[in-house]
Protein backbone atom coordinates (compact mmCIF):
# COMPACT_ATOMS: atom_id res chain seq x y z
CA UNK A 1 13.22 9.88 -5.01
CA UNK A 2 11.01 11.89 -2.71
CA UNK A 3 11.44 11.54 1.05
CA UNK A 4 7.71 10.80 1.24
CA UNK A 5 7.25 8.11 -1.43
CA UNK A 6 4.03 6.89 0.20
CA UNK A 7 2.31 10.30 0.31
CA UNK A 8 -1.42 9.88 -0.08
CA UNK A 9 -1.30 6.10 0.28
CA UNK A 10 -3.44 4.26 2.81
CA UNK A 11 -1.97 1.32 4.70
CA UNK A 12 -4.06 -1.27 6.54
CA UNK A 13 -2.52 -2.57 9.77
CA UNK A 14 -4.43 -5.73 10.68
CA UNK A 15 -4.44 -6.54 14.41
CA UNK A 16 -6.59 -8.05 17.16
CA UNK A 17 -6.23 -7.86 20.95
CA UNK A 18 -2.82 -9.12 22.02
CA UNK A 19 -0.77 -7.96 19.01
CA UNK A 20 2.93 -7.29 19.63
CA UNK A 21 2.87 -3.57 20.30
CA UNK A 22 6.31 -2.71 18.90
CA UNK A 23 5.63 -4.77 15.76
CA UNK A 24 2.73 -2.39 15.11
CA UNK A 25 3.98 0.96 16.42
CA UNK A 26 7.43 0.93 14.76
CA UNK A 27 6.09 0.22 11.24
CA UNK A 28 3.27 2.71 11.89
CA UNK A 29 5.78 5.43 12.83
CA UNK A 30 7.90 4.68 9.74
CA UNK A 31 4.84 4.76 7.48
CA UNK A 32 3.86 8.19 8.82
CA UNK A 33 7.38 9.50 8.07
CA UNK A 34 7.06 8.16 4.52
CA UNK A 35 3.82 10.12 4.08
CA UNK A 36 1.39 7.20 4.32
CA UNK A 37 -1.89 7.14 6.23
CA UNK A 38 -1.81 3.96 8.37
CA UNK A 39 -5.21 2.68 9.49
CA UNK A 40 -5.77 0.10 12.22
CA UNK A 41 -8.15 -2.60 11.01
CA UNK A 42 -9.43 -5.03 13.63
CA UNK A 43 -12.20 -7.41 14.63
CA UNK A 44 -12.30 -5.37 17.87
CA UNK A 45 -14.73 -2.45 18.10
CA UNK A 46 -13.38 0.98 19.04
CA UNK A 47 -10.13 0.01 20.78
CA UNK A 48 -7.60 -2.77 20.37
CA UNK A 49 -5.18 -3.76 23.16
CA UNK A 50 -1.51 -4.37 22.45
CA UNK A 51 0.87 -6.76 24.20
CA UNK A 52 4.16 -5.31 25.41
CA UNK A 53 6.86 -7.51 26.89
CA UNK A 54 5.16 -9.89 29.29
CA UNK A 55 1.95 -7.95 29.90
CA UNK A 56 -0.90 -6.10 28.24
CA UNK A 57 0.21 -2.84 26.69
CA UNK A 58 -1.60 0.23 25.44
CA UNK A 59 -4.99 0.60 23.84
CA UNK A 60 -5.15 1.95 20.31
CA UNK A 61 -8.22 3.30 18.51
CA UNK A 62 -9.34 1.21 15.58
CA UNK A 63 -10.14 2.93 12.30
CA UNK A 64 -12.28 0.23 10.70
CA UNK A 65 -13.84 -3.11 11.59
CA UNK A 66 -12.30 -5.98 9.63
CA UNK A 67 -15.71 -6.99 8.31
CA UNK A 68 -16.28 -3.55 6.79
CA UNK A 69 -13.15 -3.27 4.63
CA UNK A 70 -11.91 -4.48 1.28
CA UNK A 71 -8.31 -4.76 0.11
CA UNK A 72 -9.32 -2.34 -2.65
CA UNK A 73 -9.76 0.34 0.05
CA UNK A 74 -6.00 0.26 0.80
CA UNK A 75 -2.69 0.44 -1.02
CA UNK A 76 -0.55 -1.66 1.36
CA UNK A 77 -0.89 -4.11 4.28
CA UNK A 78 1.06 -4.67 7.52
CA UNK A 79 0.61 -7.85 9.59
CA UNK A 80 2.19 -7.54 13.07
CA UNK A 81 2.64 -10.64 15.21
CA UNK A 82 1.45 -11.48 18.69
CA UNK A 83 0.16 -14.92 19.57
CA UNK A 84 -3.24 -13.82 20.90
CA UNK A 85 -3.86 -11.50 17.96
CA UNK A 86 -2.81 -14.07 15.35
CA UNK A 87 -5.00 -16.78 16.89
CA UNK A 88 -8.02 -14.49 16.76
CA UNK A 89 -7.29 -13.27 13.23
CA UNK A 90 -6.61 -16.80 11.94
CA UNK A 91 -10.12 -17.81 12.98
CA UNK A 92 -11.72 -14.84 11.20
CA UNK A 93 -12.95 -15.35 7.62
CA UNK A 94 -12.43 -11.64 6.89
CA UNK A 95 -8.71 -12.03 7.60
CA UNK A 96 -8.40 -14.71 4.94
CA UNK A 97 -10.35 -12.57 2.49
CA UNK A 98 -8.32 -9.42 3.08
CA UNK A 99 -4.86 -11.03 3.12
CA UNK A 100 -5.77 -13.13 0.09
CA UNK A 101 -6.99 -10.09 -1.84
CA UNK A 102 -3.81 -8.10 -1.11
CA UNK A 103 -1.63 -11.01 -2.22
CA UNK A 104 -3.72 -11.68 -5.34
CA UNK A 105 -3.53 -8.02 -6.36
CA UNK A 106 0.26 -7.93 -5.96
CA UNK A 107 0.05 -5.10 -3.44
CA UNK A 108 2.80 -4.56 -0.87
CA UNK A 109 2.47 -6.75 2.22
CA UNK A 110 4.76 -6.70 5.27
CA UNK A 111 4.44 -9.42 7.92
CA UNK A 112 6.53 -9.94 11.04
CA UNK A 113 6.62 -12.69 13.65
CA UNK A 114 3.35 -14.58 13.91
CA UNK A 115 1.86 -12.27 11.26
CA UNK A 116 3.78 -14.25 8.63
CA UNK A 117 1.62 -17.27 9.48
CA UNK A 118 -1.46 -15.40 8.22
CA UNK A 119 -0.16 -15.99 4.68
CA UNK A 120 -0.74 -19.72 5.25
CA UNK A 121 -4.15 -19.06 6.81
CA UNK A 122 -5.11 -17.12 3.67
CA UNK A 123 -3.65 -19.91 1.52
CA UNK A 124 -1.32 -17.45 -0.24
CA UNK A 125 2.08 -18.84 0.81
CA UNK A 126 2.59 -21.19 -2.14
CA UNK A 127 5.71 -20.42 -4.15
CA UNK A 128 6.81 -17.59 -1.82
CA UNK A 129 10.08 -17.38 0.08
CA UNK A 130 9.56 -16.09 3.61
CA UNK A 131 11.28 -15.55 6.94
CA UNK A 132 9.11 -16.95 9.72
CA UNK A 133 9.20 -17.75 13.42
CA UNK A 134 9.42 -21.41 14.42
CA UNK A 135 5.70 -21.59 15.24
CA UNK A 136 4.63 -20.70 11.69
CA UNK A 137 7.12 -22.81 9.70
CA UNK A 138 5.05 -26.01 9.54
CA UNK A 139 1.88 -24.30 8.28
CA UNK A 140 3.82 -22.24 5.73
CA UNK A 141 5.76 -25.21 4.31
CA UNK A 142 2.53 -27.26 4.18
CA UNK A 143 1.11 -24.44 2.01
CA UNK A 144 4.11 -24.60 -0.32
CA UNK A 145 6.23 -21.71 0.97
CA UNK A 146 10.00 -21.90 1.17
CA UNK A 147 11.09 -20.76 4.63
CA UNK A 148 14.52 -19.15 4.61
CA UNK A 149 16.54 -20.69 7.42
CA UNK A 150 19.43 -18.23 7.44
CA UNK A 151 17.72 -14.93 6.71
CA UNK A 152 15.86 -13.07 9.45
CA UNK A 153 14.20 -10.72 6.93
CA UNK A 154 13.22 -11.79 3.41
CA UNK A 155 11.92 -9.79 0.46
CA UNK A 156 9.99 -11.76 -2.18
CA UNK A 157 8.65 -9.36 -4.82
CA UNK A 158 6.35 -7.01 -2.84
CA UNK A 159 6.21 -9.23 0.25
CA UNK A 160 8.49 -8.49 3.23
CA UNK A 161 8.63 -11.01 6.07
CA UNK A 162 10.64 -11.15 9.28
CA UNK A 163 11.14 -13.84 11.91
CA UNK A 164 10.37 -11.60 14.85
CA UNK A 165 10.83 -8.50 16.93
CA UNK A 166 14.61 -8.92 17.21
CA UNK A 167 14.65 -8.10 13.46
CA UNK A 168 12.34 -5.09 13.75
CA UNK A 169 14.74 -2.36 12.58
CA UNK A 170 15.73 -4.24 9.42
CA UNK A 171 12.10 -5.23 8.81
CA UNK A 172 10.91 -1.60 9.01
CA UNK A 173 13.71 -0.43 6.69
CA UNK A 174 12.92 -3.11 4.08
CA UNK A 175 9.18 -2.46 4.42
CA UNK A 176 9.69 1.19 3.47
CA UNK A 177 11.77 0.30 0.40
CA UNK A 178 9.46 -2.46 -0.81
CA UNK A 179 6.31 -0.42 -0.26
CA UNK A 180 7.80 2.50 -2.24
CA UNK A 181 8.69 0.09 -5.08
CA UNK A 182 5.21 -1.46 -5.02
CA UNK A 183 3.58 1.98 -5.30
CA UNK A 184 5.97 3.06 -8.08
CA UNK A 185 5.21 -0.08 -10.08
CA UNK A 186 1.44 0.35 -9.67
CA UNK A 187 1.76 3.93 -10.97
CA UNK A 188 3.67 2.70 -14.04
CA UNK A 189 1.09 -0.01 -14.71
CA UNK A 190 -1.82 2.46 -14.49
């Protein structure tokens, strides 16, 4: 297996102001090492502001506006958490469209913390086993997901979910493996 199994693949990272900075930057760094081209997709224009610890963090340039993209434009999707970001994304029809399209196409999706709740917002949690933070459990189970109580990180086909930032290292490791598998399977199916 090549050390850059995601070479030439484009990954959408969907965030709004107030996303958990480390839940975006650590997966982004790992994706770059794997050869992928991560792109920040956001309802914000130009720059999106992260949340780090107990305060606002850094600004990051956005690559595309959420209203201007299709799931077909990307190979994989990352959904970082962050209460402010998730609230804004959950109220955006484009979020539901994009997340739903990725899930329907069987593309690799990685969600951590509050980002896992976007699966329920997109009505794509039914029949999936996920790891989720307390705040997202009710919405996910109402949508028909099975929330793993013991596991902090869960892989369900090409979906990787993690309860939160305390599970970031394991989440990033599993994301890399699952994304490589998702790409390999799509190549075989083509």
